[in-house]
N, C-alpha and C. Protein backbone atom coordinates (compact mmCIF):
# COMPACT_ATOMS: atom_id res chain seq x y z
N MET A 1 17.33 140.77 -32.77
CA MET A 1 18.14 139.67 -33.27
C MET A 1 19.57 139.89 -32.75
N THR A 2 20.16 138.83 -32.27
CA THR A 2 21.52 138.93 -31.75
C THR A 2 22.52 139.07 -32.90
N ALA A 3 23.71 139.50 -32.57
CA ALA A 3 24.76 139.65 -33.59
C ALA A 3 25.07 138.30 -34.23
N ASP A 4 25.08 137.23 -33.43
CA ASP A 4 25.35 135.89 -33.96
C ASP A 4 24.25 135.46 -34.93
N ALA A 5 23.00 135.72 -34.57
CA ALA A 5 21.88 135.36 -35.46
C ALA A 5 21.95 136.16 -36.75
N THR A 6 22.28 137.43 -36.65
CA THR A 6 22.42 138.27 -37.84
C THR A 6 23.51 137.73 -38.75
N THR A 7 24.62 137.35 -38.18
CA THR A 7 25.73 136.80 -38.96
C THR A 7 25.30 135.52 -39.67
N ARG A 8 24.57 134.66 -38.97
CA ARG A 8 24.10 133.40 -39.58
C ARG A 8 23.10 133.66 -40.71
N VAL A 9 22.21 134.60 -40.51
CA VAL A 9 21.23 134.93 -41.56
C VAL A 9 21.94 135.48 -42.78
N LEU A 10 22.86 136.40 -42.59
CA LEU A 10 23.58 136.98 -43.72
C LEU A 10 24.44 135.94 -44.44
N ALA A 11 25.03 135.03 -43.70
CA ALA A 11 25.82 133.96 -44.32
C ALA A 11 24.92 133.06 -45.16
N ARG A 12 23.74 132.77 -44.66
CA ARG A 12 22.78 131.93 -45.43
C ARG A 12 22.37 132.64 -46.71
N ILE A 13 22.09 133.93 -46.63
CA ILE A 13 21.73 134.71 -47.82
C ILE A 13 22.88 134.69 -48.82
N ASP A 14 24.09 134.90 -48.35
CA ASP A 14 25.26 134.85 -49.23
C ASP A 14 25.37 133.50 -49.91
N GLY A 15 25.08 132.43 -49.18
CA GLY A 15 25.15 131.08 -49.74
C GLY A 15 24.08 130.81 -50.80
N LEU A 16 23.04 131.60 -50.79
CA LEU A 16 21.95 131.44 -51.76
C LEU A 16 22.03 132.45 -52.90
N ALA A 17 23.12 133.18 -52.99
CA ALA A 17 23.23 134.27 -53.96
C ALA A 17 22.93 133.83 -55.39
N VAL A 18 23.47 132.70 -55.81
CA VAL A 18 23.26 132.23 -57.19
C VAL A 18 21.78 131.96 -57.43
N GLU A 19 21.13 131.25 -56.49
CA GLU A 19 19.70 130.95 -56.64
C GLU A 19 18.85 132.22 -56.58
N LEU A 20 19.21 133.15 -55.71
CA LEU A 20 18.45 134.39 -55.59
C LEU A 20 18.52 135.21 -56.88
N VAL A 21 19.72 135.32 -57.44
CA VAL A 21 19.89 136.08 -58.69
C VAL A 21 19.15 135.39 -59.83
N ALA A 22 19.19 134.06 -59.88
CA ALA A 22 18.48 133.33 -60.94
C ALA A 22 16.97 133.54 -60.84
N ALA A 23 16.43 133.48 -59.63
CA ALA A 23 14.99 133.69 -59.44
C ALA A 23 14.59 135.11 -59.81
N LEU A 24 15.41 136.06 -59.42
CA LEU A 24 15.13 137.45 -59.75
C LEU A 24 15.18 137.66 -61.26
N ALA A 25 16.17 137.08 -61.93
CA ALA A 25 16.28 137.20 -63.39
C ALA A 25 15.07 136.59 -64.07
N GLU A 26 14.60 135.45 -63.55
CA GLU A 26 13.43 134.79 -64.14
C GLU A 26 12.18 135.67 -63.98
N ALA A 27 12.03 136.29 -62.81
CA ALA A 27 10.88 137.17 -62.58
C ALA A 27 10.94 138.40 -63.48
N ILE A 28 12.12 138.99 -63.60
CA ILE A 28 12.27 140.19 -64.42
C ILE A 28 12.00 139.88 -65.89
N ALA A 29 12.32 138.67 -66.33
CA ALA A 29 12.13 138.30 -67.73
C ALA A 29 10.65 138.14 -68.11
N ILE A 30 9.78 138.01 -67.12
CA ILE A 30 8.34 137.87 -67.40
C ILE A 30 7.77 139.26 -67.67
N ARG A 31 7.11 139.39 -68.79
CA ARG A 31 6.50 140.66 -69.17
C ARG A 31 5.27 140.88 -68.28
N SER A 32 5.44 141.72 -67.28
CA SER A 32 4.37 141.90 -66.29
C SER A 32 3.99 143.37 -66.13
N VAL A 33 3.82 144.04 -67.24
CA VAL A 33 3.43 145.45 -67.24
C VAL A 33 1.95 145.55 -66.83
N ASN A 34 1.63 146.54 -66.03
CA ASN A 34 0.25 146.79 -65.65
C ASN A 34 -0.55 147.08 -66.93
N PRO A 35 -1.50 146.19 -67.28
CA PRO A 35 -2.22 146.38 -68.53
C PRO A 35 -3.22 147.53 -68.54
N THR A 36 -3.41 148.18 -67.38
CA THR A 36 -4.36 149.30 -67.33
C THR A 36 -3.68 150.65 -67.50
N TYR A 37 -2.36 150.68 -67.67
CA TYR A 37 -1.69 151.96 -67.94
C TYR A 37 -2.24 152.56 -69.22
N PRO A 38 -2.29 153.88 -69.30
CA PRO A 38 -2.78 154.52 -70.52
C PRO A 38 -1.97 154.07 -71.75
N ASP A 39 -2.66 153.98 -72.87
CA ASP A 39 -2.06 153.63 -74.17
C ASP A 39 -1.49 152.22 -74.21
N GLN A 40 -1.95 151.32 -73.35
CA GLN A 40 -1.51 149.93 -73.37
C GLN A 40 -2.61 149.06 -73.96
N ASP A 41 -2.23 147.98 -74.62
CA ASP A 41 -3.17 147.00 -75.14
C ASP A 41 -3.44 145.97 -74.03
N TYR A 42 -4.58 146.12 -73.37
CA TYR A 42 -4.90 145.28 -72.22
C TYR A 42 -4.80 143.80 -72.54
N GLU A 43 -5.41 143.39 -73.63
CA GLU A 43 -5.43 141.97 -73.98
C GLU A 43 -4.03 141.42 -74.27
N ASP A 44 -3.16 142.27 -74.78
CA ASP A 44 -1.78 141.84 -75.07
C ASP A 44 -0.96 141.67 -73.79
N LEU A 45 -1.27 142.45 -72.78
CA LEU A 45 -0.45 142.46 -71.56
C LEU A 45 -1.00 141.64 -70.40
N VAL A 46 -2.31 141.45 -70.36
CA VAL A 46 -2.90 140.77 -69.21
C VAL A 46 -2.35 139.35 -69.11
N GLY A 47 -2.08 138.93 -67.90
CA GLY A 47 -1.56 137.58 -67.63
C GLY A 47 -0.14 137.57 -67.11
N GLY A 48 0.61 138.61 -67.41
CA GLY A 48 1.99 138.67 -66.94
C GLY A 48 2.10 138.73 -65.43
N GLU A 49 1.21 139.48 -64.81
CA GLU A 49 1.22 139.59 -63.35
C GLU A 49 0.94 138.23 -62.71
N SER A 50 0.01 137.48 -63.30
CA SER A 50 -0.29 136.14 -62.78
C SER A 50 0.90 135.21 -62.97
N ALA A 51 1.63 135.38 -64.08
CA ALA A 51 2.81 134.54 -64.32
C ALA A 51 3.88 134.78 -63.25
N VAL A 52 4.09 136.04 -62.90
CA VAL A 52 5.06 136.36 -61.85
C VAL A 52 4.57 135.81 -60.51
N SER A 53 3.28 135.95 -60.24
CA SER A 53 2.73 135.42 -59.00
C SER A 53 2.88 133.90 -58.92
N GLY A 54 2.72 133.23 -60.05
CA GLY A 54 2.91 131.77 -60.08
C GLY A 54 4.35 131.39 -59.78
N LEU A 55 5.29 132.14 -60.35
CA LEU A 55 6.71 131.91 -60.07
C LEU A 55 6.98 132.09 -58.57
N LEU A 56 6.50 133.20 -58.02
CA LEU A 56 6.71 133.47 -56.60
C LEU A 56 6.05 132.40 -55.72
N ALA A 57 4.86 131.96 -56.10
CA ALA A 57 4.18 130.92 -55.32
C ALA A 57 5.04 129.66 -55.25
N GLY A 58 5.64 129.28 -56.37
CA GLY A 58 6.51 128.11 -56.38
C GLY A 58 7.72 128.29 -55.47
N LEU A 59 8.30 129.46 -55.51
CA LEU A 59 9.45 129.74 -54.64
C LEU A 59 9.04 129.73 -53.17
N TYR A 60 7.89 130.31 -52.88
CA TYR A 60 7.40 130.32 -51.50
C TYR A 60 7.18 128.89 -51.00
N ARG A 61 6.57 128.05 -51.86
CA ARG A 61 6.32 126.66 -51.46
C ARG A 61 7.63 125.90 -51.25
N GLN A 62 8.63 126.16 -52.10
CA GLN A 62 9.94 125.52 -51.91
C GLN A 62 10.53 125.88 -50.56
N ALA A 63 10.23 127.08 -50.09
CA ALA A 63 10.73 127.55 -48.79
C ALA A 63 9.87 127.05 -47.64
N GLY A 64 8.82 126.30 -47.95
CA GLY A 64 7.97 125.75 -46.91
C GLY A 64 6.76 126.58 -46.56
N ALA A 65 6.47 127.59 -47.35
CA ALA A 65 5.34 128.48 -47.05
C ALA A 65 4.04 127.94 -47.63
N ASP A 66 2.96 128.25 -46.95
CA ASP A 66 1.63 128.07 -47.51
C ASP A 66 1.38 129.26 -48.41
N THR A 67 0.71 129.05 -49.55
CA THR A 67 0.47 130.16 -50.47
C THR A 67 -1.02 130.33 -50.71
N GLU A 68 -1.38 131.56 -51.01
CA GLU A 68 -2.76 131.89 -51.32
C GLU A 68 -2.77 132.94 -52.43
N PRO A 69 -3.23 132.54 -53.64
CA PRO A 69 -3.35 133.54 -54.70
C PRO A 69 -4.61 134.38 -54.50
N PHE A 70 -4.57 135.61 -54.95
CA PHE A 70 -5.75 136.47 -54.88
C PHE A 70 -5.65 137.52 -55.98
N GLY A 71 -6.77 138.02 -56.37
CA GLY A 71 -6.80 139.07 -57.38
C GLY A 71 -8.21 139.50 -57.66
N LYS A 72 -8.36 140.68 -58.21
CA LYS A 72 -9.68 141.22 -58.51
C LYS A 72 -10.07 141.02 -59.97
N ALA A 73 -9.08 140.72 -60.83
CA ALA A 73 -9.37 140.56 -62.25
C ALA A 73 -8.62 139.35 -62.77
N PRO A 74 -9.23 138.58 -63.67
CA PRO A 74 -8.54 137.43 -64.25
C PRO A 74 -7.22 137.84 -64.92
N GLY A 75 -6.17 137.05 -64.66
CA GLY A 75 -4.87 137.34 -65.24
C GLY A 75 -4.05 138.36 -64.49
N ARG A 76 -4.59 138.87 -63.39
CA ARG A 76 -3.90 139.91 -62.62
C ARG A 76 -3.72 139.47 -61.17
N ASP A 77 -3.42 138.19 -60.98
CA ASP A 77 -3.30 137.62 -59.64
C ASP A 77 -2.06 138.12 -58.90
N ASN A 78 -2.18 138.11 -57.60
CA ASN A 78 -1.08 138.31 -56.67
C ASN A 78 -1.00 137.03 -55.84
N VAL A 79 0.02 136.91 -55.02
CA VAL A 79 0.14 135.76 -54.15
C VAL A 79 0.77 136.19 -52.84
N VAL A 80 0.34 135.55 -51.77
CA VAL A 80 0.95 135.76 -50.46
C VAL A 80 1.47 134.41 -49.98
N GLY A 81 2.63 134.43 -49.33
CA GLY A 81 3.19 133.23 -48.74
C GLY A 81 3.33 133.41 -47.25
N VAL A 82 2.97 132.38 -46.51
CA VAL A 82 3.02 132.46 -45.04
C VAL A 82 3.85 131.30 -44.51
N LEU A 83 4.88 131.63 -43.75
CA LEU A 83 5.67 130.63 -43.02
C LEU A 83 5.17 130.63 -41.59
N ARG A 84 4.70 129.50 -41.16
CA ARG A 84 4.19 129.38 -39.79
C ARG A 84 5.36 129.31 -38.82
N GLY A 85 5.23 129.98 -37.71
CA GLY A 85 6.25 129.94 -36.68
C GLY A 85 6.08 128.70 -35.81
N ARG A 86 6.97 128.59 -34.86
CA ARG A 86 6.94 127.45 -33.92
C ARG A 86 6.44 127.87 -32.56
N GLY A 87 5.92 129.06 -32.50
CA GLY A 87 5.45 129.58 -31.22
C GLY A 87 6.52 130.45 -30.59
N GLY A 88 6.16 131.15 -29.61
CA GLY A 88 7.11 132.02 -28.96
C GLY A 88 7.18 133.37 -29.64
N TRP A 89 7.96 134.21 -29.09
CA TRP A 89 8.05 135.58 -29.57
C TRP A 89 9.36 135.77 -30.31
N CYS A 90 9.31 136.45 -31.42
CA CYS A 90 10.52 136.74 -32.20
C CYS A 90 10.49 138.23 -32.48
N GLY A 91 11.17 138.99 -31.66
CA GLY A 91 11.15 140.43 -31.82
C GLY A 91 12.53 141.03 -31.76
N ALA A 92 12.59 142.28 -32.07
CA ALA A 92 13.86 143.00 -32.01
C ALA A 92 14.31 143.14 -30.56
N GLU A 93 15.59 143.17 -30.41
CA GLU A 93 16.13 143.33 -29.05
C GLU A 93 16.38 144.77 -28.74
């Protein structure tokens, strides 16, 4: 990435600081403790991970990403977001 591109990316991140902090605060506020930790009440905790994944999926979609939830147990979903490129190579210089 060129110095100019780096400067533009960092400026864009700075411009999104309020939204980034708000999204992070919202995610942190969701009780998403791993319900399989020893001495935890599974039924009381299960679902928090899916709630965080749902929040992230919405943010990914707002950014234009395709999303795909996945998980091995109900209430313990994860999500992946994919932004499609426009072709060409984008690598480090």
